[in-house]
C-alpha atoms as a PDB file:
ATOM      1  CA  UNK A   1     243.318 -44.514 175.460  1.00  0.00           C
ATOM      2  CA  UNK A   2     245.651 -43.062 178.076  1.00  0.00           C
ATOM      3  CA  UNK A   3     243.708 -39.809 178.000  1.00  0.00           C
ATOM      4  CA  UNK A   4     240.462 -41.699 178.699  1.00  0.00           C
ATOM      5  CA  UNK A   5     242.006 -43.463 181.693  1.00  0.00           C
ATOM      6  CA  UNK A   6     243.382 -40.162 182.935  1.00  0.00           C
ATOM      7  CA  UNK A   7     239.915 -38.567 182.636  1.00  0.00           C
ATOM      8  CA  UNK A   8     238.305 -41.468 184.490  1.00  0.00           C
ATOM      9  CA  UNK A   9     240.853 -41.208 187.310  1.00  0.00           C
ATOM     10  CA  UNK A  10     240.377 -37.447 187.585  1.00  0.00           C
ATOM     11  CA  UNK A  11     236.592 -37.887 187.595  1.00  0.00           C
ATOM     12  CA  UNK A  12     236.834 -40.529 190.343  1.00  0.00           C
ATOM     13  CA  UNK A  13     238.948 -38.307 192.573  1.00  0.00           C
ATOM     14  CA  UNK A  14     236.662 -35.349 191.790  1.00  0.00           C
ATOM     15  CA  UNK A  15     233.661 -37.352 192.999  1.00  0.00           C
ATOM     16  CA  UNK A  16     235.553 -38.381 196.163  1.00  0.00           C
ATOM     17  CA  UNK A  17     236.492 -34.746 196.808  1.00  0.00           C
ATOM     18  CA  UNK A  18     232.897 -33.595 196.280  1.00  0.00           C
ATOM     19  CA  UNK A  19     231.598 -36.247 198.696  1.00  0.00           C
ATOM     20  CA  UNK A  20     234.181 -35.228 201.292  1.00  0.00           C
ATOM     21  CA  UNK A  21     233.236 -31.550 200.968  1.00  0.00           C
ATOM     22  CA  UNK A  22     229.538 -32.437 201.198  1.00  0.00           C
ATOM     23  CA  UNK A  23     230.169 -34.478 204.353  1.00  0.00           C
ATOM     24  CA  UNK A  24     232.202 -31.656 205.880  1.00  0.00           C
ATOM     25  CA  UNK A  25     229.383 -29.146 205.371  1.00  0.00           C
ATOM     26  CA  UNK A  26     226.513 -31.594 205.920  1.00  0.00           C
ATOM     27  CA  UNK A  27     224.915 -29.388 208.583  1.00  0.00           C
ATOM     28  CA  UNK A  28     224.717 -26.461 206.173  1.00  0.00           C
ATOM     29  CA  UNK A  29     223.402 -28.697 203.379  1.00  0.00           C
ATOM     30  CA  UNK A  30     220.750 -30.061 205.726  1.00  0.00           C
ATOM     31  CA  UNK A  31     219.670 -26.524 206.633  1.00  0.00           C
ATOM     32  CA  UNK A  32     219.422 -25.652 202.927  1.00  0.00           C
ATOM     33  CA  UNK A  33     217.401 -28.806 202.246  1.00  0.00           C
ATOM     34  CA  UNK A  34     215.005 -28.110 205.128  1.00  0.00           C
ATOM     35  CA  UNK A  35     214.550 -24.544 203.874  1.00  0.00           C
ATOM     36  CA  UNK A  36     213.761 -25.846 200.386  1.00  0.00           C
ATOM     37  CA  UNK A  37     211.118 -28.186 201.836  1.00  0.00           C
ATOM     38  CA  UNK A  38     209.510 -25.337 203.750  1.00  0.00           C
ATOM     39  CA  UNK A  39     209.533 -23.267 200.561  1.00  0.00           C
ATOM     40  CA  UNK A  40     207.682 -26.097 198.786  1.00  0.00           C
ATOM     41  CA  UNK A  41     205.031 -26.056 201.525  1.00  0.00           C
ATOM     42  CA  UNK A  42     204.709 -22.273 201.789  1.00  0.00           C
ATOM     43  CA  UNK A  43     204.769 -21.348 198.091  1.00  0.00           C
ATOM     44  CA  UNK A  44     200.958 -21.677 197.690  1.00  0.00           C
ATOM     45  CA  UNK A  45     200.504 -19.247 200.591  1.00  0.00           C
ATOM     46  CA  UNK A  46     202.090 -16.534 198.441  1.00  0.00           C
ATOM     47  CA  UNK A  47     199.267 -16.842 195.925  1.00  0.00           C
ATOM     48  CA  UNK A  48     196.663 -16.751 198.691  1.00  0.00           C
ATOM     49  CA  UNK A  49     198.137 -13.543 200.137  1.00  0.00           C
ATOM     50  CA  UNK A  50     198.246 -11.976 196.672  1.00  0.00           C
ATOM     51  CA  UNK A  51     194.485 -12.387 196.469  1.00  0.00           C
ATOM     52  CA  UNK A  52     194.118  -9.924 199.337  1.00  0.00           C
ATOM     53  CA  UNK A  53     192.838  -6.514 198.303  1.00  0.00           C
ATOM     54  CA  UNK A  54     191.639  -3.355 200.000  1.00  0.00           C
ATOM     55  CA  UNK A  55     189.581  -1.292 197.576  1.00  0.00           C
ATOM     56  CA  UNK A  56     191.620  -0.980 194.409  1.00  0.00           C
ATOM     57  CA  UNK A  57     194.868  -2.034 196.131  1.00  0.00           C
ATOM     58  CA  UNK A  58     196.055  -5.598 195.637  1.00  0.00           C
ATOM     59  CA  UNK A  59     199.001  -7.310 197.288  1.00  0.00           C
ATOM     60  CA  UNK A  60     201.972  -7.847 194.980  1.00  0.00           C
ATOM     61  CA  UNK A  61     204.356 -10.793 195.114  1.00  0.00           C
ATOM     62  CA  UNK A  62     206.999  -8.803 197.019  1.00  0.00           C
ATOM     63  CA  UNK A  63     204.500  -7.724 199.660  1.00  0.00           C
ATOM     64  CA  UNK A  64     203.193 -11.309 199.952  1.00  0.00           C
ATOM     65  CA  UNK A  65     206.690 -12.691 200.565  1.00  0.00           C
ATOM     66  CA  UNK A  66     207.568 -10.031 203.151  1.00  0.00           C
ATOM     67  CA  UNK A  67     204.216 -10.491 204.895  1.00  0.00           C
ATOM     68  CA  UNK A  68     204.687 -14.273 205.036  1.00  0.00           C
ATOM     69  CA  UNK A  69     208.233 -13.939 206.392  1.00  0.00           C
ATOM     70  CA  UNK A  70     207.053 -11.547 209.108  1.00  0.00           C
ATOM     71  CA  UNK A  71     204.240 -13.932 210.090  1.00  0.00           C
ATOM     72  CA  UNK A  72     206.687 -16.841 210.295  1.00  0.00           C
ATOM     73  CA  UNK A  73     209.125 -14.801 212.375  1.00  0.00           C
ATOM     74  CA  UNK A  74     206.290 -13.686 214.660  1.00  0.00           C
ATOM     75  CA  UNK A  75     205.048 -17.261 215.077  1.00  0.00           C
ATOM     76  CA  UNK A  76     208.564 -18.491 215.862  1.00  0.00           C
ATOM     77  CA  UNK A  77     209.120 -15.689 218.371  1.00  0.00           C
ATOM     78  CA  UNK A  78     205.802 -16.328 220.123  1.00  0.00           C
ATOM     79  CA  UNK A  79     206.577 -20.046 220.319  1.00  0.00           C
ATOM     80  CA  UNK A  80     210.047 -19.384 221.748  1.00  0.00           C
ATOM     81  CA  UNK A  81     208.743 -16.878 224.305  1.00  0.00           C
ATOM     82  CA  UNK A  82     205.556 -18.567 225.473  1.00  0.00           C
ATOM     83  CA  UNK A  83     205.768 -22.287 224.631  1.00  0.00           C
ATOM     84  CA  UNK A  84     209.417 -23.232 225.121  1.00  0.00           C
ATOM     85  CA  UNK A  85     209.873 -22.023 228.743  1.00  0.00           C
ATOM     86  CA  UNK A  86     207.115 -24.213 230.278  1.00  0.00           C
ATOM     87  CA  UNK A  87     208.169 -27.191 228.155  1.00  0.00           C
ATOM     88  CA  UNK A  88     211.784 -26.719 229.204  1.00  0.00           C
ATOM     89  CA  UNK A  89     210.731 -26.355 232.841  1.00  0.00           C
ATOM     90  CA  UNK A  90     208.713 -29.568 232.669  1.00  0.00           C
ATOM     91  CA  UNK A  91     211.658 -31.274 230.962  1.00  0.00           C
ATOM     92  CA  UNK A  92     214.010 -30.317 233.785  1.00  0.00           C
ATOM     93  CA  UNK A  93     211.528 -31.393 236.463  1.00  0.00           C
ATOM     94  CA  UNK A  94     210.942 -34.667 234.648  1.00  0.00           C
ATOM     95  CA  UNK A  95     214.704 -35.246 234.424  1.00  0.00           C
ATOM     96  CA  UNK A  96     215.092 -34.615 238.146  1.00  0.00           C
ATOM     97  CA  UNK A  97     212.083 -36.698 239.253  1.00  0.00           C
ATOM     98  CA  UNK A  98     212.313 -39.672 236.892  1.00  0.00           C
ATOM     99  CA  UNK A  99     215.002 -41.650 238.808  1.00  0.00           C
ATOM    100  CA  UNK A 100     212.913 -41.313 242.011  1.00  0.00           C
ATOM    101  CA  UNK A 101     209.799 -42.483 240.185  1.00  0.00           C
ATOM    102  CA  UNK A 102     211.726 -45.470 238.844  1.00  0.00           C
ATOM    103  CA  UNK A 103     212.774 -46.352 242.387  1.00  0.00           C
ATOM    104  CA  UNK A 104     209.141 -46.215 243.535  1.00  0.00           C
ATOM    105  CA  UNK A 105     208.150 -48.338 240.550  1.00  0.00           C
ATOM    106  CA  UNK A 106     210.705 -51.045 241.283  1.00  0.00           C
ATOM    107  CA  UNK A 107     209.666 -51.088 244.951  1.00  0.00           C
ATOM    108  CA  UNK A 108     206.056 -51.502 243.903  1.00  0.00           C
ATOM    109  CA  UNK A 109     206.638 -54.539 241.660  1.00  0.00           C
ATOM    110  CA  UNK A 110     208.857 -56.521 243.995  1.00  0.00           C
ATOM    111  CA  UNK A 111     205.980 -58.842 244.866  1.00  0.00           C
ATOM    112  CA  UNK A 112     205.418 -59.828 241.215  1.00  0.00           C
ATOM    113  CA  UNK A 113     206.727 -63.247 240.035  1.00  0.00           C
ATOM    114  CA  UNK A 114     209.177 -61.810 237.509  1.00  0.00           C
ATOM    115  CA  UNK A 115     210.531 -59.122 239.867  1.00  0.00           C
ATOM    116  CA  UNK A 116     213.579 -61.231 240.779  1.00  0.00           C
ATOM    117  CA  UNK A 117     214.835 -60.878 237.210  1.00  0.00           C
ATOM    118  CA  UNK A 118     214.745 -57.051 237.324  1.00  0.00           C
ATOM    119  CA  UNK A 119     217.842 -55.143 238.350  1.00  0.00           C
ATOM    120  CA  UNK A 120     216.633 -51.977 240.182  1.00  0.00           C
ATOM    121  CA  UNK A 121     220.064 -50.325 240.032  1.00  0.00           C
ATOM    122  CA  UNK A 122     220.253 -50.918 236.298  1.00  0.00           C
ATOM    123  CA  UNK A 123     216.771 -49.488 235.754  1.00  0.00           C
ATOM    124  CA  UNK A 124     217.609 -46.369 237.752  1.00  0.00           C
ATOM    125  CA  UNK A 125     220.851 -45.888 235.835  1.00  0.00           C
ATOM    126  CA  UNK A 126     219.036 -46.296 232.521  1.00  0.00           C
ATOM    127  CA  UNK A 127     216.323 -43.862 233.619  1.00  0.00           C
ATOM    128  CA  UNK A 128     218.946 -41.284 234.588  1.00  0.00           C
ATOM    129  CA  UNK A 129     220.590 -41.629 231.165  1.00  0.00           C
ATOM    130  CA  UNK A 130     217.235 -41.140 229.435  1.00  0.00           C
ATOM    131  CA  UNK A 131     216.458 -38.085 231.541  1.00  0.00           C
ATOM    132  CA  UNK A 132     219.874 -36.581 230.861  1.00  0.00           C
ATOM    133  CA  UNK A 133     219.402 -37.169 227.155  1.00  0.00           C
ATOM    134  CA  UNK A 134     216.008 -35.469 227.255  1.00  0.00           C
ATOM    135  CA  UNK A 135     217.495 -32.458 229.012  1.00  0.00           C
ATOM    136  CA  UNK A 136     220.238 -32.250 226.410  1.00  0.00           C
ATOM    137  CA  UNK A 137     217.657 -32.430 223.646  1.00  0.00           C
ATOM    138  CA  UNK A 138     215.786 -29.408 225.003  1.00  0.00           C
ATOM    139  CA  UNK A 139     219.038 -27.496 225.384  1.00  0.00           C
ATOM    140  CA  UNK A 140     219.846 -28.225 221.737  1.00  0.00           C
ATOM    141  CA  UNK A 141     216.374 -27.123 220.681  1.00  0.00           C
ATOM    142  CA  UNK A 142     216.699 -23.893 222.632  1.00  0.00           C
ATOM    143  CA  UNK A 143     220.114 -23.290 221.095  1.00  0.00           C
ATOM    144  CA  UNK A 144     218.731 -23.837 217.587  1.00  0.00           C
ATOM    145  CA  UNK A 145     216.744 -20.596 217.501  1.00  0.00           C
ATOM    146  CA  UNK A 146     219.464 -18.909 215.437  1.00  0.00           C
ATOM    147  CA  UNK A 147     219.296 -21.753 212.931  1.00  0.00           C
ATOM    148  CA  UNK A 148     215.516 -21.353 212.802  1.00  0.00           C
ATOM    149  CA  UNK A 149     215.725 -17.709 211.747  1.00  0.00           C
ATOM    150  CA  UNK A 150     218.481 -18.576 209.255  1.00  0.00           C
ATOM    151  CA  UNK A 151     216.139 -21.164 207.778  1.00  0.00           C
ATOM    152  CA  UNK A 152     213.416 -18.509 207.459  1.00  0.00           C
ATOM    153  CA  UNK A 153     215.754 -16.304 205.411  1.00  0.00           C
ATOM    154  CA  UNK A 154     216.810 -19.206 203.192  1.00  0.00           C
ATOM    155  CA  UNK A 155     213.175 -20.223 202.754  1.00  0.00           C
ATOM    156  CA  UNK A 156     212.360 -16.703 201.579  1.00  0.00           C
ATOM    157  CA  UNK A 157     215.096 -16.870 198.946  1.00  0.00           C
ATOM    158  CA  UNK A 158     213.881 -20.275 197.779  1.00  0.00           C
ATOM    159  CA  UNK A 159     210.363 -18.878 197.408  1.00  0.00           C
ATOM    160  CA  UNK A 160     211.661 -15.879 195.453  1.00  0.00           C
ATOM    161  CA  UNK A 161     214.084 -17.732 193.190  1.00  0.00           C
ATOM    162  CA  UNK A 162     212.957 -21.339 193.551  1.00  0.00           C
ATOM    163  CA  UNK A 163     211.400 -21.772 190.098  1.00  0.00           C
ATOM    164  CA  UNK A 164     214.491 -20.520 188.303  1.00  0.00           C
ATOM    165  CA  UNK A 165     216.748 -22.749 190.429  1.00  0.00           C
ATOM    166  CA  UNK A 166     214.476 -25.722 189.724  1.00  0.00           C
ATOM    167  CA  UNK A 167     214.549 -25.170 185.955  1.00  0.00           C
ATOM    168  CA  UNK A 168     218.330 -24.705 186.027  1.00  0.00           C
ATOM    169  CA  UNK A 169     218.761 -28.034 187.834  1.00  0.00           C
ATOM    170  CA  UNK A 170     216.486 -29.838 185.362  1.00  0.00           C
ATOM    171  CA  UNK A 171     218.371 -28.292 182.411  1.00  0.00           C
ATOM    172  CA  UNK A 172     221.531 -30.202 183.385  1.00  0.00           C
ATOM    173  CA  UNK A 173     219.901 -33.484 182.291  1.00  0.00           C
ATOM    174  CA  UNK A 174     219.655 -34.663 178.648  1.00  0.00           C
ATOM    175  CA  UNK A 175     217.151 -32.600 176.707  1.00  0.00           C
ATOM    176  CA  UNK A 176     214.914 -35.542 175.768  1.00  0.00           C
ATOM    177  CA  UNK A 177     214.565 -36.437 179.471  1.00  0.00           C
ATOM    178  CA  UNK A 178     213.823 -32.956 180.793  1.00  0.00           C
ATOM    179  CA  UNK A 179     210.054 -32.932 180.220  1.00  0.00           C
ATOM    180  CA  UNK A 180     209.564 -36.293 181.921  1.00  0.00           C
ATOM    181  CA  UNK A 181     211.813 -35.352 184.848  1.00  0.00           C
ATOM    182  CA  UNK A 182     210.132 -31.963 185.209  1.00  0.00           C
ATOM    183  CA  UNK A 183     206.636 -33.479 185.414  1.00  0.00           C
ATOM    184  CA  UNK A 184     207.827 -36.204 187.812  1.00  0.00           C
ATOM    185  CA  UNK A 185     209.456 -33.709 190.169  1.00  0.00           C
ATOM    186  CA  UNK A 186     206.390 -31.467 190.105  1.00  0.00           C
ATOM    187  CA  UNK A 187     204.250 -34.470 191.014  1.00  0.00           C
ATOM    188  CA  UNK A 188     206.650 -35.329 193.839  1.00  0.00           C
ATOM    189  CA  UNK A 189     206.583 -31.704 194.989  1.00  0.00           C
ATOM    190  CA  UNK A 190     202.790 -31.786 195.299  1.00  0.00           C
ATOM    191  CA  UNK A 191     202.853 -35.085 197.179  1.00  0.00           C
ATOM    192  CA  UNK A 192     205.570 -33.908 199.580  1.00  0.00           C
ATOM    193  CA  UNK A 193     203.683 -30.659 200.241  1.00  0.00           C
ATOM    194  CA  UNK A 194     200.431 -32.494 200.900  1.00  0.00           C
ATOM    195  CA  UNK A 195     202.129 -34.962 203.226  1.00  0.00           C
ATOM    196  CA  UNK A 196     203.916 -32.249 205.207  1.00  0.00           C
ATOM    197  CA  UNK A 197     200.762 -30.177 205.617  1.00  0.00           C
ATOM    198  CA  UNK A 198     198.579 -33.164 206.462  1.00  0.00           C
ATOM    199  CA  UNK A 199     200.997 -34.742 208.923  1.00  0.00           C
ATOM    200  CA  UNK A 200     201.655 -31.373 210.595  1.00  0.00           C
ATOM    201  CA  UNK A 201     197.904 -30.908 211.092  1.00  0.00           C
ATOM    202  CA  UNK A 202     197.585 -34.361 212.670  1.00  0.00           C
ATOM    203  CA  UNK A 203     200.571 -33.738 214.950  1.00  0.00           C
ATOM    204  CA  UNK A 204     199.239 -30.318 215.956  1.00  0.00           C
ATOM    205  CA  UNK A 205     195.778 -31.767 216.573  1.00  0.00           C
ATOM    206  CA  UNK A 206     197.060 -34.468 218.933  1.00  0.00           C
ATOM    207  CA  UNK A 207     199.433 -32.057 220.681  1.00  0.00           C
ATOM    208  CA  UNK A 208     196.753 -29.428 221.347  1.00  0.00           C
ATOM    209  CA  UNK A 209     194.111 -31.967 222.424  1.00  0.00           C
ATOM    210  CA  UNK A 210     196.634 -33.679 224.711  1.00  0.00           C
ATOM    211  CA  UNK A 211     197.607 -30.346 226.244  1.00  0.00           C
ATOM    212  CA  UNK A 212     193.973 -29.497 227.050  1.00  0.00           C
ATOM    213  CA  UNK A 213     193.142 -32.931 228.467  1.00  0.00           C
ATOM    214  CA  UNK A 214     196.374 -33.259 230.468  1.00  0.00           C
ATOM    215  CA  UNK A 215     195.823 -29.799 231.935  1.00  0.00           C
ATOM    216  CA  UNK A 216     192.200 -30.641 232.822  1.00  0.00           C
ATOM    217  CA  UNK A 217     193.341 -33.882 234.497  1.00  0.00           C
ATOM    218  CA  UNK A 218     196.024 -32.028 236.453  1.00  0.00           C
ATOM    219  CA  UNK A 219     198.727 -34.296 235.029  1.00  0.00           C
ATOM    220  CA  UNK A 220     202.325 -33.510 235.949  1.00  0.00           C
ATOM    221  CA  UNK A 221     204.628 -32.306 233.160  1.00  0.00           C
ATOM    222  CA  UNK A 222     201.584 -31.765 230.920  1.00  0.00           C
ATOM    223  CA  UNK A 223     203.433 -29.304 228.654  1.00  0.00           C
ATOM    224  CA  UNK A 224     206.226 -31.804 228.044  1.00  0.00           C
ATOM    225  CA  UNK A 225     203.875 -34.764 227.602  1.00  0.00           C
ATOM    226  CA  UNK A 226     201.669 -32.872 225.139  1.00  0.00           C
ATOM    227  CA  UNK A 227     204.660 -31.831 223.022  1.00  0.00           C
ATOM    228  CA  UNK A 228     205.956 -35.395 223.064  1.00  0.00           C
ATOM    229  CA  UNK A 229     202.542 -36.717 221.961  1.00  0.00           C
ATOM    230  CA  UNK A 230     202.408 -34.273 219.041  1.00  0.00           C
ATOM    231  CA  UNK A 231     205.956 -34.996 217.865  1.00  0.00           C
ATOM    232  CA  UNK A 232     205.616 -38.766 218.351  1.00  0.00           C
ATOM    233  CA  UNK A 233     202.536 -38.783 216.105  1.00  0.00           C
ATOM    234  CA  UNK A 234     204.851 -38.563 213.090  1.00  0.00           C
ATOM    235  CA  UNK A 235     205.759 -42.206 213.726  1.00  0.00           C
ATOM    236  CA  UNK A 236     202.935 -44.582 212.753  1.00  0.00           C
ATOM    237  CA  UNK A 237     201.704 -47.025 215.396  1.00  0.00           C
ATOM    238  CA  UNK A 238     204.821 -46.881 217.601  1.00  0.00           C
ATOM    239  CA  UNK A 239     204.613 -43.091 218.118  1.00  0.00           C
ATOM    240  CA  UNK A 240     201.057 -42.967 219.492  1.00  0.00           C
ATOM    241  CA  UNK A 241     201.708 -46.089 221.596  1.00  0.00           C
ATOM    242  CA  UNK A 242     204.781 -44.463 223.166  1.00  0.00           C
ATOM    243  CA  UNK A 243     202.734 -41.323 223.917  1.00  0.00           C
ATOM    244  CA  UNK A 244     200.059 -43.441 225.616  1.00  0.00           C
ATOM    245  CA  UNK A 245     202.626 -45.402 227.625  1.00  0.00           C
ATOM    246  CA  UNK A 246     204.521 -42.309 228.804  1.00  0.00           C
ATOM    247  CA  UNK A 247     201.368 -40.393 229.781  1.00  0.00           C
ATOM    248  CA  UNK A 248     199.965 -43.472 231.526  1.00  0.00           C
ATOM    249  CA  UNK A 249     203.207 -43.994 233.461  1.00  0.00           C
ATOM    250  CA  UNK A 250     203.095 -40.414 234.723  1.00  0.00           C
ATOM    251  CA  UNK A 251     199.358 -40.634 235.487  1.00  0.00           C
ATOM    252  CA  UNK A 252     199.566 -43.861 237.518  1.00  0.00           C
ATOM    253  CA  UNK A 253     202.154 -42.249 239.782  1.00  0.00           C
ATOM    254  CA  UNK A 254     199.467 -39.753 240.841  1.00  0.00           C
ATOM    255  CA  UNK A 255     196.193 -41.679 240.895  1.00  0.00           C
ATOM    256  CA  UNK A 256     194.270 -44.461 239.125  1.00  0.00           C
ATOM    257  CA  UNK A 257     191.605 -41.897 238.159  1.00  0.00           C
ATOM    258  CA  UNK A 258     194.128 -39.941 236.071  1.00  0.00           C
ATOM    259  CA  UNK A 259     195.247 -43.153 234.386  1.00  0.00           C
ATOM    260  CA  UNK A 260     191.660 -43.938 233.448  1.00  0.00           C
ATOM    261  CA  UNK A 261     191.235 -40.404 232.123  1.00  0.00           C
ATOM    262  CA  UNK A 262     194.354 -40.714 229.937  1.00  0.00           C
ATOM    263  CA  UNK A 263     193.264 -44.081 228.525  1.00  0.00           C
ATOM    264  CA  UNK A 264     189.735 -42.828 227.765  1.00  0.00           C
ATOM    265  CA  UNK A 265     191.119 -39.731 226.049  1.00  0.00           C
ATOM    266  CA  UNK A 266     193.445 -41.676 223.752  1.00  0.00           C
ATOM    267  CA  UNK A 267     190.777 -44.292 222.990  1.00  0.00           C
ATOM    268  CA  UNK A 268     188.324 -41.587 221.915  1.00  0.00           C
ATOM    269  CA  UNK A 269     190.891 -39.423 220.111  1.00  0.00           C
ATOM    270  CA  UNK A 270     192.416 -42.218 218.012  1.00  0.00           C
ATOM    271  CA  UNK A 271     188.950 -43.409 217.046  1.00  0.00           C
ATOM    272  CA  UNK A 272     188.105 -39.886 215.831  1.00  0.00           C
ATOM    273  CA  UNK A 273     191.475 -39.544 214.075  1.00  0.00           C
ATOM    274  CA  UNK A 274     191.244 -42.874 212.247  1.00  0.00           C
ATOM    275  CA  UNK A 275     187.594 -42.461 211.227  1.00  0.00           C
ATOM    276  CA  UNK A 276     187.288 -38.712 210.624  1.00  0.00           C
ATOM    277  CA  UNK A 277     190.586 -36.787 210.611  1.00  0.00           C
ATOM    278  CA  UNK A 278     193.073 -38.989 208.743  1.00  0.00           C
ATOM    279  CA  UNK A 279     190.818 -39.889 205.763  1.00  0.00           C
ATOM    280  CA  UNK A 280     190.086 -36.207 205.125  1.00  0.00           C
ATOM    281  CA  UNK A 281     193.477 -34.698 205.890  1.00  0.00           C
ATOM    282  CA  UNK A 282     195.712 -37.335 204.297  1.00  0.00           C
ATOM    283  CA  UNK A 283     193.630 -38.415 201.281  1.00  0.00           C
ATOM    284  CA  UNK A 284     195.828 -36.515 198.769  1.00  0.00           C
ATOM    285  CA  UNK A 285     199.171 -37.661 200.165  1.00  0.00           C
ATOM    286  CA  UNK A 286     201.539 -40.344 198.987  1.00  0.00           C
ATOM    287  CA  UNK A 287     200.588 -43.549 200.780  1.00  0.00           C
ATOM    288  CA  UNK A 288     203.804 -44.684 202.426  1.00  0.00           C
ATOM    289  CA  UNK A 289     203.671 -47.932 204.372  1.00  0.00           C
ATOM    290  CA  UNK A 290     204.394 -47.770 208.129  1.00  0.00           C
ATOM    291  CA  UNK A 291     207.557 -49.833 207.527  1.00  0.00           C
ATOM    292  CA  UNK A 292     208.820 -47.260 205.002  1.00  0.00           C
ATOM    293  CA  UNK A 293     208.135 -44.405 207.425  1.00  0.00           C
ATOM    294  CA  UNK A 294     209.930 -46.158 210.300  1.00  0.00           C
ATOM    295  CA  UNK A 295     212.960 -46.989 208.143  1.00  0.00           C
ATOM    296  CA  UNK A 296     213.101 -43.412 206.791  1.00  0.00           C
ATOM    297  CA  UNK A 297     212.894 -41.922 210.293  1.00  0.00           C
ATOM    298  CA  UNK A 298     215.568 -44.296 211.584  1.00  0.00           C
ATOM    299  CA  UNK A 299     217.962 -43.490 208.740  1.00  0.00           C
ATOM    300  CA  UNK A 300     217.283 -39.748 208.939  1.00  0.00           C
ATOM    301  CA  UNK A 301     217.746 -39.680 212.702  1.00  0.00           C
ATOM    302  CA  UNK A 302     220.982 -41.672 212.496  1.00  0.00           C
ATOM    303  CA  UNK A 303     222.407 -39.438 209.762  1.00  0.00           C
ATOM    304  CA  UNK A 304     221.371 -35.991 211.028  1.00  0.00           C
ATOM    305  CA  UNK A 305     219.578 -36.276 214.357  1.00  0.00           C
ATOM    306  CA  UNK A 306     216.271 -34.493 214.909  1.00  0.00           C
ATOM    307  CA  UNK A 307     216.528 -32.468 211.679  1.00  0.00           C
ATOM    308  CA  UNK A 308     217.287 -35.589 209.676  1.00  0.00           C
ATOM    309  CA  UNK A 309     214.233 -37.323 211.099  1.00  0.00           C
ATOM    310  CA  UNK A 310     212.151 -34.236 210.260  1.00  0.00           C
ATOM    311  CA  UNK A 311     212.965 -34.361 206.541  1.00  0.00           C
ATOM    312  CA  UNK A 312     213.301 -38.130 206.180  1.00  0.00           C
ATOM    313  CA  UNK A 313     209.677 -38.961 205.354  1.00  0.00           C
ATOM    314  CA  UNK A 314     209.215 -36.211 202.701  1.00  0.00           C
ATOM    315  CA  UNK A 315     212.501 -37.404 201.205  1.00  0.00           C
ATOM    316  CA  UNK A 316     211.157 -40.968 201.184  1.00  0.00           C
ATOM    317  CA  UNK A 317     208.063 -39.643 199.376  1.00  0.00           C
ATOM    318  CA  UNK A 318     210.326 -38.019 196.754  1.00  0.00           C
ATOM    319  CA  UNK A 319     212.292 -41.244 196.304  1.00  0.00           C
ATOM    320  CA  UNK A 320     209.074 -43.260 195.988  1.00  0.00           C
ATOM    321  CA  UNK A 321     207.729 -40.991 193.231  1.00  0.00           C
ATOM    322  CA  UNK A 322     211.032 -41.156 191.311  1.00  0.00           C
ATOM    323  CA  UNK A 323     211.192 -44.929 191.740  1.00  0.00           C
ATOM    324  CA  UNK A 324     207.593 -45.278 190.613  1.00  0.00           C
ATOM    325  CA  UNK A 325     208.333 -43.268 187.467  1.00  0.00           C
ATOM    326  CA  UNK A 326     211.711 -44.694 186.471  1.00  0.00           C
ATOM    327  CA  UNK A 327     212.030 -48.148 188.059  1.00  0.00           C
ATOM    328  CA  UNK A 328     208.567 -49.675 188.418  1.00  0.00           C
ATOM    329  CA  UNK A 329     207.521 -51.517 185.252  1.00  0.00           C
ATOM    330  CA  UNK A 330     203.816 -51.350 184.449  1.00  0.00           C
ATOM    331  CA  UNK A 331     201.547 -52.470 181.673  1.00  0.00           C
ATOM    332  CA  UNK A 332     200.205 -49.581 179.523  1.00  0.00           C
ATOM    333  CA  UNK A 333     196.728 -49.774 181.120  1.00  0.00           C
ATOM    334  CA  UNK A 334     198.201 -49.645 184.658  1.00  0.00           C
ATOM    335  CA  UNK A 335     200.435 -46.744 183.690  1.00  0.00           C
ATOM    336  CA  UNK A 336     197.453 -44.746 182.380  1.00  0.00           C
ATOM    337  CA  UNK A 337     195.522 -45.502 185.570  1.00  0.00           C
ATOM    338  CA  UNK A 338     198.442 -44.330 187.754  1.00  0.00           C
ATOM    339  CA  UNK A 339     198.801 -41.127 185.717  1.00  0.00           C
ATOM    340  CA  UNK A 340     195.064 -40.441 186.105  1.00  0.00           C
ATOM    341  CA  UNK A 341     195.338 -40.947 189.867  1.00  0.00           C
ATOM    342  CA  UNK A 342     198.023 -38.235 190.058  1.00  0.00           C
END
């Protein structure tokens, strides 16, 4: 009996020690987790590259992995060289100009009935804090280039040795549960991959279209606004609304015509996205409710900042699949229908 108590106490302190170590190296663990997610997304690309052939020569798995890594490194380098500088420049200009724009805004609304309740000094202070935070965000992004290339290397190793690592992890569970867990995790893997690819396409679509339209309208800070629109599109409802509000606020400071152009663009784009793009791009993904997405993003952002928000929704998809398999109780007919849907 004493030995059992001693084992329980040692196990308890071992768990506490493991949690403390995990918290101490949480940044490294997050980088590993992000790399594993990218490996899940990119693994099918290896098979596509292996289908390449010139005459009798066919690409092997090693060549496919090296080729994919080089393409990722090239894409990251091109983005850092050509895309980041104008975005960073717009971010700095926006940070410098925003307090002045807020002053002009407060002067312009003084004649409104509710203007007496607005504290102009407080608004300007809040605007300056937001601008400073935005500048710090871009500095952190620029300083994360080393982490990006580290993630590429880790992703390559996950692609090379991911299957063996996956099977080893599953083998630690009771033997009679391994088949069920293996099939559940593979189903979650497919759903997470589909969501990441689909959501990335929607974000890229809005970002590129916004960039073209903002540039054609001659909107200030159009690089920054377009990047914000693309990134904000990960957040359902609130993200697109915030992109519209921010672009409209910048447009109205120039001319009413630009404001009208921004509103028309978003009205047309979101109609096309909801009717044509989303049903085709996202039809194979796990249907997470907007509330689930918002909660996941909030928790991920609070725990690990931008990176945590990036991986929060795929993680929520994984949790939902596991919960659906092990916690949700269904009748046999409903269970067969759900299995057929997967």
